[in-house]
Amino acid sequence: MTDLVPGWAYDFHGHRCPFMPIGYRMGQLAMQTLGVEREKDHGLFAFPEIGVGHPQTCMVDGIQAATGCSYGKLLVERTGYGKLAFTLFKPGKGAVRIAMKPEFMDKLGQFEFFKYRKAGKEPSEIPEAVTNEVVEWMFAQSDEAVFKVETRPEFTFRPVKGSFNKAKCAKCGEYVFERYVREKDGQPHCIPCAGYAG
């Protein structure tokens, strides 16, 4: 498999590494499995199982680039499981979970790229030849060798209904959308000015 990730996805991500394109492949495979196309609006949802404090989270930028499920459109919700997997859900079509196989991860971790990362080097500081070696190897592996695919018939999710309704905060004067308005002294306030989130 050659590098099918568009150049703009690397530009968006900020550096070349193996995990953003792995995420892109995950997104492509999930869409193919569900029989859906890249989301233009607000009807496809991604649930990456990443946590915080592990550098493989770059895969989420690849998932967003491939699927159109972007953070800005509120189509991405992190589970915090600390795993390299994600579920793609389309109402009316179902859900599929794509996870990286441990055997693939074990082989991937042997590349020199990860010696640099463990030593504290940022991906953009790693020699290009070292990065290209692991990325090219990753693309040479089949989807079957890299990913475990599971349909999830039990998966349910109800997105929050969108609303254009808003109020002006009585203290700071900024607009706040209705579900985040807090009443204080009988006046609408934003959460910071109200001093409480409840």
N, C-alpha and C. Protein backbone atom coordinates (compact mmCIF):
# COMPACT_ATOMS: atom_id res chain seq x y z
N MET A 1 0.86 -1.20 0.00
CA MET A 1 0.00 0.00 0.00
C MET A 1 0.88 1.24 0.00
N THR A 2 0.62 2.15 -0.89
CA THR A 2 1.38 3.40 -0.93
C THR A 2 0.72 4.42 0.01
N ASP A 3 1.41 5.52 0.23
CA ASP A 3 0.90 6.57 1.12
C ASP A 3 -0.28 7.26 0.44
N LEU A 4 -1.49 6.97 0.92
CA LEU A 4 -2.70 7.54 0.34
C LEU A 4 -3.21 8.74 1.12
N VAL A 5 -2.45 9.17 2.12
CA VAL A 5 -2.86 10.31 2.93
C VAL A 5 -2.58 11.60 2.16
N PRO A 6 -3.57 12.48 1.99
CA PRO A 6 -3.32 13.73 1.26
C PRO A 6 -2.33 14.63 2.00
N GLY A 7 -1.57 15.39 1.24
CA GLY A 7 -0.57 16.27 1.84
C GLY A 7 -1.14 17.24 2.84
N TRP A 8 -2.38 17.72 2.60
CA TRP A 8 -2.96 18.71 3.53
C TRP A 8 -3.16 18.10 4.91
N ALA A 9 -3.34 16.78 5.01
CA ALA A 9 -3.53 16.16 6.32
C ALA A 9 -2.24 16.21 7.13
N TYR A 10 -1.10 16.02 6.46
CA TYR A 10 0.19 16.16 7.16
C TYR A 10 0.40 17.62 7.57
N ASP A 11 0.03 18.55 6.68
CA ASP A 11 0.16 19.98 7.02
C ASP A 11 -0.70 20.33 8.23
N PHE A 12 -1.94 19.83 8.23
CA PHE A 12 -2.85 20.07 9.36
C PHE A 12 -2.27 19.49 10.65
N HIS A 13 -1.74 18.29 10.56
CA HIS A 13 -1.21 17.62 11.75
C HIS A 13 0.05 18.31 12.26
N GLY A 14 0.88 18.81 11.34
CA GLY A 14 2.06 19.56 11.74
C GLY A 14 3.38 18.83 11.56
N HIS A 15 3.37 17.51 11.52
CA HIS A 15 4.62 16.76 11.30
C HIS A 15 4.30 15.40 10.66
N ARG A 16 5.33 14.75 10.18
CA ARG A 16 5.19 13.41 9.61
C ARG A 16 5.54 12.41 10.70
N CYS A 17 4.68 11.45 10.91
CA CYS A 17 4.89 10.40 11.91
C CYS A 17 4.05 9.21 11.50
N PRO A 18 4.21 8.05 12.14
CA PRO A 18 3.39 6.91 11.72
C PRO A 18 1.95 6.95 12.20
N PHE A 19 1.66 7.64 13.30
CA PHE A 19 0.33 7.48 13.89
C PHE A 19 -0.77 8.31 13.26
N MET A 20 -0.45 9.49 12.71
CA MET A 20 -1.50 10.22 12.00
C MET A 20 -1.96 9.42 10.79
N PRO A 21 -1.03 8.89 9.94
CA PRO A 21 -1.51 8.09 8.81
C PRO A 21 -2.16 6.77 9.23
N ILE A 22 -1.75 6.21 10.36
CA ILE A 22 -2.46 5.02 10.86
C ILE A 22 -3.91 5.39 11.15
N GLY A 23 -4.12 6.54 11.79
CA GLY A 23 -5.48 7.00 12.06
C GLY A 23 -6.26 7.24 10.79
N TYR A 24 -5.58 7.76 9.77
CA TYR A 24 -6.24 7.98 8.48
C TYR A 24 -6.69 6.64 7.90
N ARG A 25 -5.83 5.65 7.96
CA ARG A 25 -6.19 4.31 7.48
C ARG A 25 -7.36 3.74 8.29
N MET A 26 -7.34 3.94 9.60
CA MET A 26 -8.43 3.46 10.45
C MET A 26 -9.76 4.08 10.02
N GLY A 27 -9.73 5.39 9.78
CA GLY A 27 -10.94 6.10 9.36
C GLY A 27 -11.45 5.59 8.02
N GLN A 28 -10.54 5.41 7.07
CA GLN A 28 -10.93 4.91 5.75
C GLN A 28 -11.54 3.52 5.85
N LEU A 29 -10.91 2.65 6.65
CA LEU A 29 -11.40 1.28 6.80
C LEU A 29 -12.77 1.26 7.48
N ALA A 30 -12.95 2.10 8.49
CA ALA A 30 -14.24 2.17 9.18
C ALA A 30 -15.35 2.63 8.24
N MET A 31 -15.08 3.66 7.43
CA MET A 31 -16.08 4.15 6.48
C MET A 31 -16.42 3.09 5.44
N GLN A 32 -15.40 2.40 4.97
CA GLN A 32 -15.62 1.33 3.98
C GLN A 32 -16.47 0.22 4.59
N THR A 33 -16.19 -0.15 5.83
CA THR A 33 -16.94 -1.22 6.50
C THR A 33 -18.40 -0.83 6.70
N LEU A 34 -18.64 0.43 7.07
CA LEU A 34 -20.01 0.91 7.29
C LEU A 34 -20.73 1.26 5.98
N GLY A 35 -19.97 1.44 4.92
CA GLY A 35 -20.57 1.85 3.65
C GLY A 35 -21.00 3.30 3.65
N VAL A 36 -20.17 4.16 4.25
CA VAL A 36 -20.48 5.59 4.32
C VAL A 36 -19.34 6.39 3.70
N GLU A 37 -19.63 7.65 3.37
CA GLU A 37 -18.63 8.55 2.82
C GLU A 37 -18.20 9.56 3.87
N ARG A 38 -17.15 10.30 3.55
CA ARG A 38 -16.63 11.33 4.46
C ARG A 38 -17.74 12.33 4.79
N GLU A 39 -17.85 12.66 6.07
CA GLU A 39 -18.94 13.51 6.55
C GLU A 39 -18.73 14.98 6.16
N LYS A 40 -19.75 15.54 5.51
CA LYS A 40 -19.71 16.95 5.16
C LYS A 40 -20.34 17.81 6.25
N ASP A 41 -21.33 17.25 6.94
CA ASP A 41 -22.08 18.05 7.91
C ASP A 41 -21.96 17.49 9.32
N HIS A 42 -23.04 16.92 9.84
CA HIS A 42 -23.06 16.55 11.26
C HIS A 42 -23.69 15.18 11.51
N GLY A 43 -23.49 14.21 10.60
CA GLY A 43 -24.20 12.94 10.75
C GLY A 43 -23.35 11.72 10.99
N LEU A 44 -22.06 11.87 11.26
CA LEU A 44 -21.16 10.75 11.48
C LEU A 44 -20.33 11.06 12.72
N PHE A 45 -20.13 10.07 13.59
CA PHE A 45 -19.52 10.34 14.90
C PHE A 45 -18.36 9.38 15.16
N ALA A 46 -17.25 9.93 15.66
CA ALA A 46 -16.06 9.14 15.97
C ALA A 46 -15.80 9.16 17.47
N PHE A 47 -15.49 7.99 18.01
CA PHE A 47 -15.22 7.84 19.43
C PHE A 47 -13.85 7.19 19.62
N PRO A 48 -12.77 8.00 19.55
CA PRO A 48 -11.44 7.44 19.78
C PRO A 48 -11.27 7.05 21.25
N GLU A 49 -10.58 5.94 21.47
CA GLU A 49 -10.42 5.43 22.83
C GLU A 49 -9.14 5.89 23.49
N ILE A 50 -8.51 6.93 22.94
CA ILE A 50 -7.27 7.43 23.49
C ILE A 50 -7.48 8.02 24.88
N GLY A 51 -6.36 8.14 25.60
CA GLY A 51 -6.36 8.86 26.87
C GLY A 51 -5.50 10.10 26.72
N VAL A 52 -4.77 10.43 27.77
CA VAL A 52 -3.80 11.53 27.71
C VAL A 52 -2.46 10.99 28.17
N GLY A 53 -1.38 11.64 27.73
CA GLY A 53 -0.05 11.25 28.19
C GLY A 53 0.57 10.10 27.42
N HIS A 54 -0.04 9.69 26.31
CA HIS A 54 0.65 8.72 25.44
C HIS A 54 0.71 9.33 24.04
N PRO A 55 1.90 9.31 23.42
CA PRO A 55 2.10 10.07 22.19
C PRO A 55 1.39 9.53 20.97
N GLN A 56 0.80 8.36 21.03
CA GLN A 56 0.12 7.80 19.85
C GLN A 56 -1.20 8.48 19.55
N THR A 57 -1.57 9.47 20.31
CA THR A 57 -2.83 10.18 20.09
C THR A 57 -2.86 10.91 18.76
N CYS A 58 -1.72 11.00 18.06
CA CYS A 58 -1.68 11.59 16.73
C CYS A 58 -2.69 10.92 15.79
N MET A 59 -3.05 9.67 16.10
CA MET A 59 -3.97 8.95 15.22
C MET A 59 -5.31 9.68 15.08
N VAL A 60 -5.69 10.47 16.10
CA VAL A 60 -7.00 11.13 16.05
C VAL A 60 -7.04 12.19 14.95
N ASP A 61 -5.92 12.86 14.69
CA ASP A 61 -5.91 13.81 13.58
C ASP A 61 -6.13 13.09 12.27
N GLY A 62 -5.58 11.89 12.12
CA GLY A 62 -5.81 11.10 10.92
C GLY A 62 -7.25 10.66 10.79
N ILE A 63 -7.86 10.27 11.90
CA ILE A 63 -9.28 9.88 11.90
C ILE A 63 -10.14 11.06 11.46
N GLN A 64 -9.86 12.24 12.00
CA GLN A 64 -10.62 13.43 11.63
C GLN A 64 -10.46 13.74 10.15
N ALA A 65 -9.22 13.67 9.65
CA ALA A 65 -8.96 14.00 8.25
C ALA A 65 -9.67 13.02 7.32
N ALA A 66 -9.66 11.74 7.66
CA ALA A 66 -10.27 10.74 6.79
C ALA A 66 -11.78 10.79 6.81
N THR A 67 -12.38 10.94 7.99
CA THR A 67 -13.83 10.78 8.14
C THR A 67 -14.62 12.07 8.03
N GLY A 68 -13.95 13.21 8.27
CA GLY A 68 -14.68 14.47 8.35
C GLY A 68 -15.34 14.67 9.71
N CYS A 69 -15.13 13.72 10.61
CA CYS A 69 -15.62 13.86 12.00
C CYS A 69 -14.63 14.73 12.74
N SER A 70 -14.86 16.01 12.75
CA SER A 70 -13.89 16.92 13.34
C SER A 70 -14.32 17.38 14.73
N TYR A 71 -13.32 17.79 15.49
CA TYR A 71 -13.56 18.33 16.83
C TYR A 71 -14.44 19.58 16.75
N GLY A 72 -14.18 20.42 15.75
CA GLY A 72 -14.93 21.66 15.61
C GLY A 72 -16.40 21.45 15.31
N LYS A 73 -16.75 20.35 14.63
CA LYS A 73 -18.15 20.04 14.35
C LYS A 73 -18.78 19.22 15.47
N LEU A 74 -18.02 19.00 16.54
CA LEU A 74 -18.47 18.22 17.71
C LEU A 74 -18.83 16.79 17.34
N LEU A 75 -18.05 16.21 16.42
CA LEU A 75 -18.29 14.85 15.97
C LEU A 75 -17.26 13.88 16.51
N VAL A 76 -16.40 14.35 17.42
CA VAL A 76 -15.38 13.50 18.05
C VAL A 76 -15.55 13.57 19.55
N GLU A 77 -15.60 12.41 20.18
CA GLU A 77 -15.71 12.35 21.64
C GLU A 77 -14.76 11.28 22.16
N ARG A 78 -13.75 11.71 22.89
CA ARG A 78 -12.72 10.80 23.42
C ARG A 78 -13.28 10.02 24.61
N THR A 79 -12.99 8.71 24.64
CA THR A 79 -13.50 7.88 25.73
C THR A 79 -12.58 7.88 26.94
N GLY A 80 -11.27 8.10 26.72
CA GLY A 80 -10.32 8.08 27.83
C GLY A 80 -9.92 6.68 28.27
N TYR A 81 -10.06 5.68 27.40
CA TYR A 81 -9.70 4.31 27.77
C TYR A 81 -8.19 4.05 27.67
N GLY A 82 -7.45 4.93 27.01
CA GLY A 82 -6.03 4.71 26.84
C GLY A 82 -5.71 3.59 25.86
N LYS A 83 -6.54 3.44 24.82
CA LYS A 83 -6.35 2.38 23.83
C LYS A 83 -6.21 2.99 22.44
N LEU A 84 -5.60 2.23 21.54
CA LEU A 84 -5.43 2.68 20.16
C LEU A 84 -6.51 2.04 19.31
N ALA A 85 -7.70 2.56 19.48
CA ALA A 85 -8.90 2.06 18.80
C ALA A 85 -9.90 3.19 18.72
N PHE A 86 -10.91 3.02 17.84
CA PHE A 86 -12.00 3.98 17.80
C PHE A 86 -13.23 3.32 17.21
N THR A 87 -14.38 3.89 17.55
CA THR A 87 -15.65 3.45 17.00
C THR A 87 -16.19 4.56 16.11
N LEU A 88 -16.67 4.17 14.93
CA LEU A 88 -17.33 5.10 14.02
C LEU A 88 -18.80 4.73 13.98
N PHE A 89 -19.66 5.74 14.18
CA PHE A 89 -21.10 5.50 14.28
C PHE A 89 -21.85 6.39 13.31
N LYS A 90 -22.75 5.78 12.55
CA LYS A 90 -23.64 6.51 11.65
C LYS A 90 -25.07 6.12 11.99
N PRO A 91 -25.89 7.07 12.49
CA PRO A 91 -27.29 6.73 12.78
C PRO A 91 -27.96 6.10 11.56
N GLY A 92 -28.63 4.99 11.80
CA GLY A 92 -29.31 4.28 10.72
C GLY A 92 -28.43 3.28 9.99
N LYS A 93 -27.12 3.37 10.18
CA LYS A 93 -26.19 2.45 9.52
C LYS A 93 -25.47 1.54 10.52
N GLY A 94 -25.32 2.01 11.76
CA GLY A 94 -24.66 1.21 12.78
C GLY A 94 -23.29 1.75 13.16
N ALA A 95 -22.52 0.88 13.80
CA ALA A 95 -21.21 1.27 14.33
C ALA A 95 -20.19 0.17 14.06
N VAL A 96 -18.94 0.60 13.89
CA VAL A 96 -17.84 -0.34 13.72
C VAL A 96 -16.67 0.14 14.57
N ARG A 97 -16.00 -0.80 15.20
CA ARG A 97 -14.81 -0.49 16.01
C ARG A 97 -13.57 -1.02 15.29
N ILE A 98 -12.56 -0.14 15.16
CA ILE A 98 -11.29 -0.51 14.55
C ILE A 98 -10.21 -0.37 15.63
N ALA A 99 -9.46 -1.44 15.86
CA ALA A 99 -8.39 -1.41 16.85
C ALA A 99 -7.09 -1.89 16.22
N MET A 100 -5.97 -1.36 16.70
CA MET A 100 -4.68 -1.82 16.22
C MET A 100 -4.35 -3.15 16.88
N LYS A 101 -3.89 -4.08 16.08
CA LYS A 101 -3.53 -5.39 16.61
C LYS A 101 -2.24 -5.31 17.42
N PRO A 102 -2.19 -6.02 18.56
CA PRO A 102 -0.97 -5.99 19.38
C PRO A 102 0.27 -6.47 18.63
N GLU A 103 0.10 -7.47 17.76
CA GLU A 103 1.24 -7.99 17.00
C GLU A 103 1.85 -6.91 16.10
N PHE A 104 0.98 -6.11 15.50
CA PHE A 104 1.45 -5.00 14.67
C PHE A 104 2.17 -3.97 15.54
N MET A 105 1.58 -3.64 16.67
CA MET A 105 2.17 -2.65 17.58
C MET A 105 3.56 -3.10 18.05
N ASP A 106 3.71 -4.39 18.33
CA ASP A 106 5.01 -4.90 18.78
C ASP A 106 6.07 -4.70 17.71
N LYS A 107 5.74 -4.99 16.46
CA LYS A 107 6.68 -4.82 15.35
C LYS A 107 6.96 -3.34 15.10
N LEU A 108 5.93 -2.53 15.15
CA LEU A 108 6.08 -1.09 14.92
C LEU A 108 7.03 -0.48 15.93
N GLY A 109 6.90 -0.88 17.18
CA GLY A 109 7.71 -0.31 18.26
C GLY A 109 9.19 -0.59 18.17
N GLN A 110 9.59 -1.50 17.28
CA GLN A 110 11.01 -1.84 17.15
C GLN A 110 11.77 -0.88 16.23
N PHE A 111 11.07 0.00 15.56
CA PHE A 111 11.73 0.92 14.63
C PHE A 111 12.48 2.02 15.39
N GLU A 112 13.55 2.51 14.75
CA GLU A 112 14.42 3.51 15.36
C GLU A 112 13.66 4.79 15.71
N PHE A 113 12.60 5.09 14.97
CA PHE A 113 11.78 6.28 15.24
C PHE A 113 11.39 6.36 16.72
N PHE A 114 11.04 5.22 17.30
CA PHE A 114 10.54 5.23 18.67
C PHE A 114 11.67 5.35 19.70
N LYS A 115 12.89 5.03 19.31
CA LYS A 115 14.03 5.29 20.21
C LYS A 115 14.19 6.79 20.39
N TYR A 116 14.05 7.53 19.28
CA TYR A 116 14.11 8.99 19.36
C TYR A 116 12.97 9.54 20.22
N ARG A 117 11.77 9.00 20.01
CA ARG A 117 10.60 9.51 20.75
C ARG A 117 10.76 9.25 22.25
N LYS A 118 11.23 8.05 22.60
CA LYS A 118 11.40 7.72 24.01
C LYS A 118 12.51 8.54 24.66
N ALA A 119 13.43 9.03 23.84
CA ALA A 119 14.51 9.89 24.34
C ALA A 119 14.07 11.35 24.45
N GLY A 120 12.81 11.63 24.10
CA GLY A 120 12.27 12.97 24.26
C GLY A 120 12.29 13.83 23.01
N LYS A 121 12.70 13.27 21.87
CA LYS A 121 12.71 14.04 20.62
C LYS A 121 11.30 14.16 20.07
N GLU A 122 10.95 15.36 19.63
CA GLU A 122 9.67 15.58 18.96
C GLU A 122 9.75 14.99 17.55
N PRO A 123 8.60 14.58 16.97
CA PRO A 123 8.64 13.98 15.63
C PRO A 123 9.30 14.87 14.58
N SER A 124 9.11 16.17 14.65
CA SER A 124 9.71 17.07 13.65
C SER A 124 11.22 17.17 13.79
N GLU A 125 11.76 16.70 14.91
CA GLU A 125 13.21 16.75 15.15
C GLU A 125 13.92 15.45 14.74
N ILE A 126 13.16 14.44 14.39
CA ILE A 126 13.72 13.13 14.04
C ILE A 126 14.17 13.17 12.58
N PRO A 127 15.34 12.58 12.26
CA PRO A 127 15.79 12.59 10.86
C PRO A 127 14.72 12.03 9.92
N GLU A 128 14.59 12.70 8.78
CA GLU A 128 13.55 12.35 7.81
C GLU A 128 13.63 10.89 7.37
N ALA A 129 14.84 10.39 7.19
CA ALA A 129 15.02 9.00 6.75
C ALA A 129 14.49 8.02 7.79
N VAL A 130 14.67 8.34 9.06
CA VAL A 130 14.19 7.48 10.14
C VAL A 130 12.66 7.46 10.16
N THR A 131 12.06 8.63 10.00
CA THR A 131 10.59 8.72 9.96
C THR A 131 10.04 8.00 8.74
N ASN A 132 10.63 8.26 7.59
CA ASN A 132 10.15 7.63 6.35
C ASN A 132 10.22 6.12 6.41
N GLU A 133 11.24 5.59 7.08
CA GLU A 133 11.38 4.13 7.18
C GLU A 133 10.17 3.49 7.86
N VAL A 134 9.74 4.05 8.97
CA VAL A 134 8.63 3.45 9.70
C VAL A 134 7.29 3.73 9.01
N VAL A 135 7.14 4.92 8.42
CA VAL A 135 5.90 5.24 7.73
C VAL A 135 5.72 4.35 6.50
N GLU A 136 6.79 4.19 5.74
CA GLU A 136 6.71 3.34 4.54
C GLU A 136 6.44 1.88 4.91
N TRP A 137 7.06 1.40 5.99
CA TRP A 137 6.80 0.03 6.45
C TRP A 137 5.34 -0.13 6.84
N MET A 138 4.81 0.87 7.58
CA MET A 138 3.41 0.80 8.00
C MET A 138 2.49 0.70 6.80
N PHE A 139 2.73 1.50 5.76
CA PHE A 139 1.88 1.46 4.58
C PHE A 139 2.03 0.16 3.80
N ALA A 140 3.15 -0.54 3.97
CA ALA A 140 3.35 -1.81 3.28
C ALA A 140 2.57 -2.95 3.92
N GLN A 141 2.04 -2.73 5.13
CA GLN A 141 1.29 -3.77 5.83
C GLN A 141 -0.19 -3.72 5.40
N SER A 142 -0.78 -4.88 5.26
CA SER A 142 -2.20 -4.95 4.88
C SER A 142 -3.09 -4.53 6.03
N ASP A 143 -4.31 -4.13 5.71
CA ASP A 143 -5.28 -3.79 6.75
C ASP A 143 -5.48 -4.97 7.70
N GLU A 144 -5.49 -6.17 7.16
CA GLU A 144 -5.70 -7.37 7.98
C GLU A 144 -4.57 -7.56 8.99
N ALA A 145 -3.35 -7.16 8.62
CA ALA A 145 -2.21 -7.29 9.52
C ALA A 145 -2.19 -6.21 10.60
N VAL A 146 -2.79 -5.07 10.30
CA VAL A 146 -2.70 -3.92 11.20
C VAL A 146 -3.90 -3.80 12.14
N PHE A 147 -5.11 -4.09 11.63
CA PHE A 147 -6.33 -3.74 12.37
C PHE A 147 -7.23 -4.93 12.68
N LYS A 148 -7.89 -4.83 13.82
CA LYS A 148 -8.99 -5.72 14.17
C LYS A 148 -10.28 -4.94 13.93
N VAL A 149 -11.23 -5.53 13.22
CA VAL A 149 -12.48 -4.86 12.86
C VAL A 149 -13.64 -5.60 13.52
N GLU A 150 -14.47 -4.85 14.25
CA GLU A 150 -15.64 -5.44 14.91
C GLU A 150 -16.86 -4.58 14.66
N THR A 151 -17.94 -5.16 14.18
CA THR A 151 -19.19 -4.41 14.14
C THR A 151 -19.75 -4.35 15.55
N ARG A 152 -20.47 -3.28 15.86
CA ARG A 152 -20.99 -3.07 17.22
C ARG A 152 -22.49 -2.82 17.17
N PRO A 153 -23.28 -3.89 17.00
CA PRO A 153 -24.73 -3.71 16.89
C PRO A 153 -25.39 -3.14 18.14
N GLU A 154 -24.72 -3.28 19.28
CA GLU A 154 -25.30 -2.79 20.54
C GLU A 154 -25.01 -1.32 20.78
N PHE A 155 -24.17 -0.69 19.95
CA PHE A 155 -23.71 0.67 20.20
C PHE A 155 -24.84 1.67 19.99
N THR A 156 -25.02 2.57 20.94
CA THR A 156 -26.02 3.64 20.81
C THR A 156 -25.39 4.97 21.21
N PHE A 157 -25.87 6.00 20.58
CA PHE A 157 -25.42 7.36 20.90
C PHE A 157 -26.48 8.32 20.42
N ARG A 158 -26.83 9.27 21.26
CA ARG A 158 -27.80 10.29 20.89
C ARG A 158 -27.12 11.65 20.96
N PRO A 159 -26.83 12.25 19.81
CA PRO A 159 -26.16 13.55 19.83
C PRO A 159 -27.04 14.63 20.43
N VAL A 160 -26.38 15.63 21.02
CA VAL A 160 -27.09 16.77 21.58
C VAL A 160 -27.72 17.57 20.45
N LYS A 161 -28.97 17.94 20.60
CA LYS A 161 -29.66 18.72 19.56
C LYS A 161 -29.10 20.13 19.53
N GLY A 162 -28.76 20.58 18.34
CA GLY A 162 -28.19 21.91 18.17
C GLY A 162 -29.23 23.02 18.36
N SER A 163 -28.77 24.17 18.80
CA SER A 163 -29.66 25.30 19.01
C SER A 163 -28.89 26.60 18.76
N PHE A 164 -29.57 27.55 18.11
CA PHE A 164 -28.98 28.87 17.89
C PHE A 164 -29.34 29.84 19.02
N ASN A 165 -30.14 29.42 19.99
CA ASN A 165 -30.60 30.30 21.06
C ASN A 165 -29.45 30.67 21.99
N LYS A 166 -29.41 31.95 22.33
CA LYS A 166 -28.34 32.44 23.19
C LYS A 166 -28.86 33.61 24.02
N ALA A 167 -28.09 33.96 25.06
CA ALA A 167 -28.42 35.11 25.90
C ALA A 167 -27.14 35.88 26.18
N LYS A 168 -27.30 37.15 26.49
CA LYS A 168 -26.14 37.98 26.81
C LYS A 168 -25.90 37.91 28.31
N CYS A 169 -24.67 37.63 28.69
CA CYS A 169 -24.32 37.55 30.11
C CYS A 169 -24.48 38.93 30.74
N ALA A 170 -25.18 38.96 31.88
CA ALA A 170 -25.45 40.23 32.57
C ALA A 170 -24.18 40.86 33.14
N LYS A 171 -23.12 40.07 33.32
CA LYS A 171 -21.89 40.61 33.91
C LYS A 171 -20.86 41.02 32.86
N CYS A 172 -20.48 40.09 31.98
CA CYS A 172 -19.40 40.40 31.02
C CYS A 172 -19.93 40.90 29.69
N GLY A 173 -21.22 40.72 29.41
CA GLY A 173 -21.82 41.20 28.18
C GLY A 173 -21.59 40.33 26.97
N GLU A 174 -20.95 39.19 27.15
CA GLU A 174 -20.72 38.28 26.02
C GLU A 174 -21.89 37.33 25.86
N TYR A 175 -22.12 36.89 24.63
CA TYR A 175 -23.18 35.92 24.40
C TYR A 175 -22.76 34.54 24.89
N VAL A 176 -23.74 33.81 25.40
CA VAL A 176 -23.53 32.43 25.83
C VAL A 176 -24.71 31.62 25.32
N PHE A 177 -24.44 30.45 24.75
CA PHE A 177 -25.52 29.63 24.20
C PHE A 177 -26.32 28.99 25.32
N GLU A 178 -27.62 28.79 25.05
CA GLU A 178 -28.62 28.57 26.08
C GLU A 178 -28.31 27.45 27.06
N ARG A 179 -27.74 26.34 26.61
CA ARG A 179 -27.54 25.25 27.57
C ARG A 179 -26.45 25.57 28.58
N TYR A 180 -25.68 26.65 28.31
CA TYR A 180 -24.62 27.05 29.23
C TYR A 180 -24.96 28.30 30.04
N VAL A 181 -26.16 28.82 29.86
CA VAL A 181 -26.60 29.98 30.64
C VAL A 181 -26.90 29.54 32.07
N ARG A 182 -26.43 30.32 33.04
CA ARG A 182 -26.70 30.07 34.45
C ARG A 182 -27.42 31.30 35.02
N GLU A 183 -28.45 31.05 35.79
CA GLU A 183 -29.18 32.16 36.42
C GLU A 183 -28.50 32.55 37.73
N LYS A 184 -28.25 33.82 37.88
CA LYS A 184 -27.69 34.35 39.13
C LYS A 184 -28.36 35.68 39.41
N ASP A 185 -28.98 35.79 40.57
CA ASP A 185 -29.73 37.00 40.94
C ASP A 185 -30.79 37.33 39.89
N GLY A 186 -31.38 36.26 39.32
CA GLY A 186 -32.45 36.42 38.35
C GLY A 186 -31.99 36.89 36.97
N GLN A 187 -30.68 36.91 36.74
CA GLN A 187 -30.12 37.39 35.48
C GLN A 187 -29.34 36.26 34.80
N PRO A 188 -29.31 36.25 33.46
CA PRO A 188 -28.51 35.23 32.77
C PRO A 188 -27.02 35.55 32.88
N HIS A 189 -26.24 34.52 33.18
CA HIS A 189 -24.79 34.66 33.29
C HIS A 189 -24.12 33.50 32.55
N CYS A 190 -22.91 33.76 32.06
CA CYS A 190 -22.09 32.68 31.55
C CYS A 190 -21.52 31.92 32.76
N ILE A 191 -20.97 30.74 32.52
CA ILE A 191 -20.48 29.92 33.63
C ILE A 191 -19.37 30.61 34.41
N PRO A 192 -18.34 31.20 33.76
CA PRO A 192 -17.30 31.87 34.57
C PRO A 192 -17.85 33.01 35.43
N CYS A 193 -18.78 33.82 34.89
CA CYS A 193 -19.31 34.94 35.66
C CYS A 193 -20.27 34.49 36.74
N ALA A 194 -20.96 33.38 36.51
CA ALA A 194 -21.88 32.86 37.53
C ALA A 194 -21.11 32.27 38.70
N GLY A 195 -19.91 31.77 38.42
CA GLY A 195 -19.10 31.21 39.50
C GLY A 195 -19.43 29.77 39.81
N TYR A 196 -20.30 29.16 39.04
CA TYR A 196 -20.64 27.74 39.25
C TYR A 196 -21.08 27.15 37.94
N ALA A 197 -20.95 25.83 37.83
CA ALA A 197 -21.30 25.15 36.59
C ALA A 197 -22.67 24.50 36.63
N GLY A 198 -23.25 24.31 37.81
CA GLY A 198 -24.49 23.53 37.97
C GLY A 198 -25.70 24.09 37.40
